[in-house]
Amino acid sequence: MDYDFAAWASLCLRWLHVIAGVAWIGASFYFVWLDNNLRDPVPAKAGVKGELWAVHGGGFYHSQKYMTAPPHMPDHLHWFKWEAYTTWLSGFALLIVLYYVGAPVYLIDTAKHAFNPGAAIATGLAFIFGGLLVYEALCRSPLGNRPRLFGIAWFLSLTAATWALTQIFTDRGAFIHVGAIIGTCMVGNVFLIIIPNQRRIVADMLAGRPVDPRLGAMGKQRSVHNTHMTLPVIFIMISNHYPAVTGHPLAWLLLALISAGGVSIRYFFILKHSGQIRHEYLFYGAMLIFAVSVIASGKPKAEAAAMSPVPFATAEAIVQKHCTTCHAATPTHKGFPAPPSGAVFDTPEHIRTYASKIHERAVATNSMPLGNETGMTDVERAQLGAWIKQGAKIQ
């Protein structure tokens, strides 16, 4: 039996990561919505900051929020933590299986920096956990009490990290490490602040000690941070499907604009939950994302539009040299037991069928070959692009 452990491990980890992520994000979004829809209880109840009546699934629900702790500890208390922990653990395991075990293919681009696998992995980990240290330092600094200034400082820090990563790693490797920085900070909020503070609140209550309201306020602050960081990290998870963004020379700027647009749109809904309709935030988000489409649609590098007619034989030779180690019925590349996305370039008809995808990933951007492992030159890309522009003729 030919059992490909790496491929199945990747599938299972990715599926677990998606399932856990949906659970975590769903819970996060729900509680932000719930918190912004609480109303003063009628009649007033001691210790209750707000309550909400809702109907769903054929039944009525009555939620109450205690800012510190209820008068009596309930027998059953659910802790929202494993959704976050499972998301991070599965994501980090997937990072190891895909980008660290497969570092020569997915992480290292020798045209940018000639890392050996160990050095590339160490650099990636330094960015991830260094990012967490920067985030915690900002949170614990005076900026932590000034939400707007904190947001600007953290956004600029992430943008700087994105720029640096795009200078040393493959396009996909750079983006996924930015996502790992954000995801690590988000789970750090749960592991380092939210859950410990909630444990102290419960312990103080059971011991009959006064409960410090700052503990709950700090947890709320980190929860708000998490809900703003959610949409950027979701985009990063799917970004490898959009080489026009990841493979653009200004990929770091495009990701910054997309992230800012996502945060703006998320902020519109947060305000809407509390009864404030601020359509300008939807407009800002839409304009930022539109700006990305305009920048990405510009030619990132000169193509030989006026090049003399390129014969199919030339284009085929380029494809055979740089693409068919992976995109063949039986790939010879050790990292791919099957052709990625099922795309096979074994015959002239196959090459013509996938011409637009080849242009998108190997001509308009440098996304393929991965890490430019085969050393595809700008001249070859221009020739391939000219053949496609001239009609992708195989006769």
Protein backbone atom coordinates (compact mmCIF):
# COMPACT_ATOMS: atom_id res chain seq x y z
CA MET A 1 0.00 0.00 0.00
CA ASP A 2 1.35 3.42 -1.01
CA TYR A 3 0.32 5.48 2.02
CA ASP A 4 1.37 9.15 1.87
CA PHE A 5 1.54 10.09 5.55
CA ALA A 6 2.46 13.75 4.93
CA ALA A 7 -0.46 14.36 2.58
CA TRP A 8 -3.03 12.78 4.91
CA ALA A 9 -1.55 14.53 7.96
CA SER A 10 -1.88 17.82 6.09
CA LEU A 11 -5.50 17.10 5.17
CA CYS A 12 -6.50 16.08 8.70
CA LEU A 13 -4.73 19.00 10.35
CA ARG A 14 -6.18 21.51 7.90
CA TRP A 15 -9.70 20.12 8.45
CA LEU A 16 -9.26 20.23 12.25
CA HIS A 17 -7.89 23.77 11.99
CA VAL A 18 -10.92 24.93 9.99
CA ILE A 19 -13.42 23.24 12.33
CA ALA A 20 -11.79 24.63 15.48
CA GLY A 21 -11.37 28.06 13.88
CA VAL A 22 -15.06 28.24 12.97
CA ALA A 23 -15.98 27.34 16.55
CA TRP A 24 -13.59 29.94 18.01
CA ILE A 25 -14.52 32.74 15.64
CA GLY A 26 -18.23 31.95 15.95
CA ALA A 27 -18.05 32.12 19.74
CA SER A 28 -15.99 35.33 19.59
CA PHE A 29 -18.38 37.04 17.20
CA TYR A 30 -21.40 35.91 19.22
CA PHE A 31 -20.10 37.22 22.52
CA VAL A 32 -19.10 40.57 21.03
CA TRP A 33 -22.62 40.82 19.60
CA LEU A 34 -24.12 39.73 22.93
CA ASP A 35 -22.08 42.22 24.92
CA ASN A 36 -23.15 45.08 22.65
CA ASN A 37 -26.83 44.13 22.85
CA LEU A 38 -27.19 43.88 26.63
CA ARG A 39 -29.86 46.08 28.18
CA ASP A 40 -30.41 47.18 31.76
CA PRO A 41 -32.37 44.46 33.56
CA VAL A 42 -35.99 45.18 34.39
CA PRO A 43 -36.47 45.09 37.30
CA ALA A 44 -32.92 45.91 38.37
CA LYS A 45 -30.95 42.98 39.74
CA ALA A 46 -27.98 43.24 42.07
CA GLY A 47 -24.68 42.68 40.27
CA VAL A 48 -26.25 42.25 36.82
CA LYS A 49 -24.65 44.65 34.32
CA GLY A 50 -27.07 43.76 31.52
CA GLU A 51 -29.37 41.12 30.11
CA LEU A 52 -30.73 39.97 26.78
CA TRP A 53 -33.78 38.02 25.70
CA ALA A 54 -33.47 36.20 22.37
CA VAL A 55 -35.39 33.62 20.38
CA HIS A 56 -33.66 30.94 18.30
CA GLY A 57 -34.27 27.37 17.26
CA GLY A 58 -37.81 27.32 18.57
CA GLY A 59 -36.96 28.46 22.09
CA PHE A 60 -36.36 31.57 24.19
CA TYR A 61 -33.02 32.39 25.79
CA HIS A 62 -32.33 34.73 28.70
CA SER A 63 -28.71 35.85 29.09
CA GLN A 64 -27.38 37.91 31.98
CA LYS A 65 -23.91 39.41 32.43
CA TYR A 66 -22.24 39.90 35.80
CA MET A 67 -19.31 42.30 35.53
CA THR A 68 -17.44 40.67 38.41
CA ALA A 69 -19.13 37.47 39.63
CA PRO A 70 -22.63 36.24 40.51
CA PRO A 71 -23.70 35.92 44.16
CA HIS A 72 -23.47 32.13 43.96
CA MET A 73 -21.18 30.04 41.78
CA PRO A 74 -23.25 27.83 39.44
CA ASP A 75 -22.72 24.08 39.42
CA HIS A 76 -21.89 24.09 35.69
CA LEU A 77 -19.64 26.81 34.29
CA HIS A 78 -18.43 26.59 30.68
CA TRP A 79 -14.97 27.93 29.90
CA PHE A 80 -14.46 29.10 26.32
CA LYS A 81 -10.83 28.16 25.79
CA TRP A 82 -10.45 24.85 23.95
CA GLU A 83 -11.80 26.32 20.72
CA ALA A 84 -8.90 28.81 20.77
CA TYR A 85 -6.27 26.30 21.91
CA THR A 86 -7.27 23.71 19.33
CA THR A 87 -7.22 26.29 16.54
CA TRP A 88 -3.70 27.39 17.41
CA LEU A 89 -2.31 23.90 18.05
CA SER A 90 -3.70 22.51 14.79
CA GLY A 91 -2.52 25.60 12.88
CA PHE A 92 0.99 25.38 14.32
CA ALA A 93 1.14 21.67 13.55
CA LEU A 94 0.05 22.43 9.97
CA LEU A 95 2.76 25.10 9.76
CA ILE A 96 5.33 22.48 10.75
CA VAL A 97 4.06 19.80 8.35
CA LEU A 98 3.77 22.10 5.32
CA TYR A 99 6.21 24.96 5.74
CA TYR A 100 8.91 23.58 8.02
CA VAL A 101 9.14 19.97 6.87
CA GLY A 102 8.70 21.29 3.32
CA ALA A 103 10.87 24.37 3.87
CA PRO A 104 12.89 23.99 0.61
CA VAL A 105 9.63 24.11 -1.39
CA TYR A 106 7.21 26.29 0.57
CA LEU A 107 9.38 28.58 2.70
CA ILE A 108 12.78 29.22 1.12
CA ASP A 109 13.19 31.42 -1.93
CA THR A 110 16.91 31.44 -2.73
CA ALA A 111 16.44 34.47 -4.98
CA LYS A 112 15.51 36.44 -1.87
CA HIS A 113 17.74 34.80 0.75
CA ALA A 114 19.76 31.58 0.60
CA PHE A 115 18.58 30.09 3.89
CA ASN A 116 19.31 26.54 4.88
CA PRO A 117 16.16 24.84 6.26
CA GLY A 118 17.21 25.15 9.91
CA ALA A 119 17.95 28.86 9.64
CA ALA A 120 14.68 29.51 7.76
CA ILE A 121 12.65 27.72 10.44
CA ALA A 122 14.47 29.54 13.27
CA THR A 123 13.80 32.86 11.54
CA GLY A 124 10.11 32.04 11.12
CA LEU A 125 9.76 31.09 14.79
CA ALA A 126 11.62 34.26 15.84
CA PHE A 127 9.11 36.38 13.93
CA ILE A 128 6.12 34.51 15.41
CA PHE A 129 7.12 34.65 19.06
CA GLY A 130 8.91 37.98 18.69
CA GLY A 131 5.62 39.35 17.39
CA LEU A 132 3.89 38.08 20.53
CA LEU A 133 6.47 39.87 22.70
CA VAL A 134 5.98 43.14 20.78
CA TYR A 135 2.20 42.83 21.11
CA GLU A 136 2.37 42.17 24.85
CA ALA A 137 4.78 45.06 25.34
CA LEU A 138 2.38 47.41 23.54
CA CYS A 139 -0.60 46.13 25.56
CA ARG A 140 1.21 46.63 28.86
CA SER A 141 2.57 50.06 27.89
CA PRO A 142 0.62 53.33 28.31
CA LEU A 143 -0.67 52.75 24.76
CA GLY A 144 -2.70 49.83 26.12
CA ASN A 145 -5.10 52.34 27.69
CA ARG A 146 -5.43 54.35 24.48
CA PRO A 147 -7.21 52.03 22.02
CA ARG A 148 -6.79 54.09 18.85
CA LEU A 149 -3.10 54.80 19.35
CA PHE A 150 -2.54 51.18 20.33
CA GLY A 151 -4.31 50.02 17.16
CA ILE A 152 -2.13 52.26 14.99
CA ALA A 153 1.08 51.09 16.68
CA TRP A 154 0.15 47.42 16.37
CA PHE A 155 -0.95 47.83 12.75
CA LEU A 156 2.36 49.50 11.86
CA SER A 157 4.27 46.75 13.69
CA LEU A 158 2.49 44.04 11.72
CA THR A 159 3.01 45.93 8.47
CA ALA A 160 6.74 46.19 9.18
CA ALA A 161 6.88 42.47 9.93
CA THR A 162 5.01 41.73 6.69
CA TRP A 163 7.47 43.82 4.67
CA ALA A 164 10.45 42.07 6.28
CA LEU A 165 8.99 38.58 5.75
CA THR A 166 8.23 39.24 2.07
CA GLN A 167 11.90 40.16 1.58
CA ILE A 168 13.24 36.82 2.84
CA PHE A 169 10.60 34.08 2.37
CA THR A 170 8.46 32.77 -0.47
CA ASP A 171 5.26 34.70 -1.06
CA ARG A 172 3.12 32.07 0.63
CA GLY A 173 5.64 31.52 3.41
CA ALA A 174 5.71 35.24 4.21
CA PHE A 175 1.93 35.60 4.37
CA ILE A 176 1.41 32.48 6.46
CA HIS A 177 3.94 33.72 9.03
CA VAL A 178 2.09 37.01 9.36
CA GLY A 179 -1.05 34.96 10.00
CA ALA A 180 0.85 32.90 12.57
CA ILE A 181 1.96 36.07 14.38
CA ILE A 182 -1.63 37.33 14.58
CA GLY A 183 -3.03 33.92 15.56
CA THR A 184 -0.39 33.49 18.27
CA CYS A 185 -1.23 36.89 19.74
CA MET A 186 -4.93 36.02 19.68
CA VAL A 187 -4.47 32.71 21.48
CA GLY A 188 -1.99 34.43 23.80
CA ASN A 189 -4.79 36.75 24.85
CA VAL A 190 -6.87 33.72 25.84
CA PHE A 191 -4.04 31.75 27.47
CA LEU A 192 -2.16 34.59 29.18
CA ILE A 193 -4.91 37.04 30.13
CA ILE A 194 -8.54 36.03 29.66
CA ILE A 195 -8.54 32.55 31.23
CA PRO A 196 -6.08 33.35 34.09
CA ASN A 197 -8.09 36.44 35.00
CA GLN A 198 -11.32 34.45 34.97
CA ARG A 199 -9.70 31.82 37.20
CA ARG A 200 -8.68 34.50 39.68
CA ILE A 201 -12.22 35.90 39.67
CA VAL A 202 -13.66 32.45 40.42
CA ALA A 203 -11.03 31.72 43.08
CA ASP A 204 -11.62 35.06 44.82
CA MET A 205 -15.34 34.50 44.79
CA LEU A 206 -15.11 30.98 46.23
CA ALA A 207 -12.71 32.24 48.92
CA GLY A 208 -15.00 35.12 49.84
CA ARG A 209 -12.47 37.75 48.77
CA PRO A 210 -13.42 40.97 46.92
CA VAL A 211 -13.26 40.54 43.14
CA ASP A 212 -11.04 43.03 41.31
CA PRO A 213 -13.15 44.49 38.46
CA ARG A 214 -9.97 45.31 36.53
CA LEU A 215 -9.52 41.61 35.80
CA GLY A 216 -12.76 41.46 33.84
CA ALA A 217 -12.04 44.77 32.09
CA MET A 218 -8.64 43.51 30.96
CA GLY A 219 -10.18 40.32 29.59
CA LYS A 220 -12.79 42.37 27.73
CA GLN A 221 -10.07 44.54 26.20
CA ARG A 222 -8.18 41.51 24.85
CA SER A 223 -11.43 40.02 23.50
CA VAL A 224 -12.03 43.24 21.57
CA HIS A 225 -8.48 43.04 20.17
CA ASN A 226 -9.18 39.50 19.02
CA THR A 227 -12.38 40.35 17.20
CA HIS A 228 -10.58 43.09 15.24
CA MET A 229 -7.76 40.74 14.23
CA THR A 230 -10.08 38.00 13.03
CA LEU A 231 -10.79 39.09 9.45
CA PRO A 232 -7.15 39.76 8.49
CA VAL A 233 -6.10 36.32 9.68
CA ILE A 234 -8.98 34.67 7.79
CA PHE A 235 -7.86 36.38 4.58
CA ILE A 236 -4.32 35.16 5.12
CA MET A 237 -5.63 31.59 5.47
CA ILE A 238 -7.04 31.75 1.92
CA SER A 239 -4.47 34.12 0.41
CA ASN A 240 -2.54 31.43 -1.48
CA HIS A 241 -5.51 31.30 -3.87
CA TYR A 242 -4.82 34.92 -4.89
CA PRO A 243 -1.31 35.16 -6.34
CA ALA A 244 -2.15 38.61 -7.74
CA VAL A 245 -1.88 39.72 -4.09
CA THR A 246 0.73 37.38 -2.60
CA GLY A 247 3.01 37.52 -5.65
CA HIS A 248 2.88 41.27 -6.16
CA PRO A 249 6.08 43.27 -5.48
CA LEU A 250 4.02 45.36 -3.05
CA ALA A 251 2.41 42.33 -1.39
CA TRP A 252 3.15 43.75 2.07
CA LEU A 253 1.20 46.93 1.23
CA LEU A 254 -1.69 45.00 -0.32
CA LEU A 255 -2.02 42.85 2.79
CA ALA A 256 -1.93 45.96 4.99
CA LEU A 257 -4.72 47.57 2.95
CA ILE A 258 -6.85 44.41 2.92
CA SER A 259 -6.38 44.03 6.67
CA ALA A 260 -7.30 47.66 7.33
CA GLY A 261 -10.37 47.23 5.13
CA GLY A 262 -11.39 44.10 7.02
CA VAL A 263 -10.96 45.83 10.38
CA SER A 264 -13.04 48.79 9.17
CA ILE A 265 -15.87 46.52 8.01
CA ARG A 266 -15.74 44.54 11.26
CA TYR A 267 -15.90 47.81 13.23
CA PHE A 268 -19.06 48.80 11.35
CA PHE A 269 -20.77 45.63 12.61
CA ILE A 270 -19.47 46.07 16.16
CA LEU A 271 -20.98 49.57 16.26
CA LYS A 272 -24.18 48.31 14.64
CA HIS A 273 -24.59 45.75 17.45
CA SER A 274 -24.71 48.63 19.93
CA GLY A 275 -27.24 50.59 17.86
CA GLN A 276 -24.83 52.92 16.03
CA ILE A 277 -25.14 52.90 12.25
CA ARG A 278 -21.90 54.29 10.80
CA HIS A 279 -21.94 53.51 7.08
CA GLU A 280 -18.70 55.37 6.53
CA TYR A 281 -16.78 52.41 7.97
CA LEU A 282 -18.28 50.15 5.30
CA PHE A 283 -17.27 52.76 2.71
CA TYR A 284 -13.71 52.97 4.08
CA GLY A 285 -13.38 49.19 3.99
CA ALA A 286 -14.75 48.93 0.46
CA MET A 287 -12.45 51.71 -0.79
CA LEU A 288 -9.37 50.11 0.76
CA ILE A 289 -10.12 46.77 -0.86
CA PHE A 290 -10.90 48.51 -4.16
CA ALA A 291 -7.50 50.21 -3.92
CA VAL A 292 -5.93 46.76 -3.60
CA SER A 293 -7.67 45.61 -6.79
CA VAL A 294 -6.40 48.68 -8.67
CA ILE A 295 -2.80 48.29 -7.46
CA ALA A 296 -2.77 44.53 -8.07
CA SER A 297 -4.21 44.98 -11.57
CA GLY A 298 -1.31 47.16 -12.61
CA LYS A 299 1.52 45.32 -14.33
CA PRO A 300 3.92 44.37 -11.51
CA LYS A 301 6.78 43.98 -13.98
CA ALA A 302 7.42 44.72 -17.60
CA GLU A 303 6.09 42.10 -19.98
CA ALA A 304 7.28 41.86 -23.57
CA ALA A 305 3.94 42.86 -25.06
CA ALA A 306 5.62 43.82 -28.31
CA MET A 307 7.88 40.77 -28.43
CA SER A 308 8.19 38.99 -31.73
CA PRO A 309 5.89 35.97 -32.10
CA VAL A 310 6.95 33.22 -29.72
CA PRO A 311 6.53 29.70 -31.13
CA PHE A 312 4.84 27.03 -29.07
CA ALA A 313 8.05 25.02 -29.02
CA THR A 314 9.70 27.77 -26.98
CA ALA A 315 6.79 28.01 -24.54
CA GLU A 316 6.60 24.23 -24.23
CA ALA A 317 10.30 23.98 -23.45
CA ILE A 318 9.92 26.57 -20.66
CA VAL A 319 6.94 24.71 -19.20
CA GLN A 320 8.73 21.37 -19.39
CA LYS A 321 11.80 22.82 -17.69
CA HIS A 322 10.11 24.68 -14.87
CA CYS A 323 6.60 23.28 -14.36
CA THR A 324 6.27 19.58 -15.11
CA THR A 325 8.36 18.36 -12.19
CA CYS A 326 5.19 19.08 -10.19
CA HIS A 327 2.46 19.44 -12.83
CA ALA A 328 2.66 16.00 -14.41
CA ALA A 329 0.53 12.89 -14.15
CA THR A 330 3.39 11.41 -12.11
CA PRO A 331 5.38 14.30 -10.57
CA THR A 332 9.11 13.81 -10.13
CA HIS A 333 9.29 16.47 -7.38
CA LYS A 334 9.66 14.73 -4.03
CA GLY A 335 7.30 17.22 -2.39
CA PHE A 336 4.32 16.36 -4.57
CA PRO A 337 2.96 12.82 -4.88
CA ALA A 338 0.19 14.17 -7.14
CA PRO A 339 -0.04 17.27 -9.37
CA PRO A 340 -1.09 20.35 -7.35
CA SER A 341 -4.77 21.18 -7.89
CA GLY A 342 -4.89 18.34 -10.44
CA ALA A 343 -3.26 20.59 -13.06
CA VAL A 344 -1.22 18.53 -15.54
CA PHE A 345 0.95 20.08 -18.29
CA ASP A 346 2.02 16.85 -20.00
CA THR A 347 0.53 17.60 -23.44
CA PRO A 348 0.17 20.68 -25.66
CA GLU A 349 -3.59 20.62 -25.08
CA HIS A 350 -3.09 20.62 -21.31
CA ILE A 351 -0.68 23.56 -21.53
CA ARG A 352 -3.18 25.55 -23.61
CA THR A 353 -6.02 24.66 -21.22
CA TYR A 354 -4.12 26.03 -18.25
CA ALA A 355 -2.56 28.98 -20.09
CA SER A 356 -4.47 31.61 -18.09
CA LYS A 357 -3.45 30.01 -14.78
CA ILE A 358 0.15 29.74 -15.95
CA HIS A 359 0.06 33.45 -16.81
CA GLU A 360 -1.46 34.34 -13.44
CA ARG A 361 1.10 32.45 -11.39
CA ALA A 362 4.30 32.37 -13.45
CA VAL A 363 4.12 35.51 -15.60
CA ALA A 364 2.01 38.21 -13.92
CA THR A 365 3.57 37.20 -10.58
CA ASN A 366 6.50 35.07 -9.49
CA SER A 367 4.35 32.72 -7.43
CA MET A 368 5.42 29.73 -9.49
CA PRO A 369 7.63 27.79 -9.48
CA LEU A 370 7.45 27.70 -5.68
CA GLY A 371 10.44 29.56 -4.31
CA ASN A 372 11.63 29.74 -7.94
CA GLU A 373 13.29 26.44 -7.19
CA THR A 374 14.12 25.84 -10.86
CA GLY A 375 15.53 29.32 -11.45
CA MET A 376 13.00 30.59 -13.99
CA THR A 377 14.36 33.81 -15.50
CA ASP A 378 12.55 37.05 -16.30
CA VAL A 379 13.28 36.46 -19.98
CA GLU A 380 11.58 33.06 -19.83
CA ARG A 381 8.59 34.53 -18.04
CA ALA A 382 8.35 37.26 -20.68
CA GLN A 383 8.53 34.69 -23.49
CA LEU A 384 5.86 32.56 -21.86
CA GLY A 385 3.68 35.60 -21.31
CA ALA A 386 4.10 36.73 -24.92
CA TRP A 387 3.07 33.28 -26.21
CA ILE A 388 -0.06 33.39 -24.05
CA LYS A 389 -0.87 36.99 -25.07
CA GLN A 390 -0.46 36.00 -28.69
CA GLY A 391 -3.27 33.45 -28.37
CA ALA A 392 -1.60 30.42 -26.75
CA LYS A 393 -1.46 28.65 -30.10
CA ILE A 394 -0.09 25.12 -30.16
CA GLN A 395 0.10 24.75 -33.94
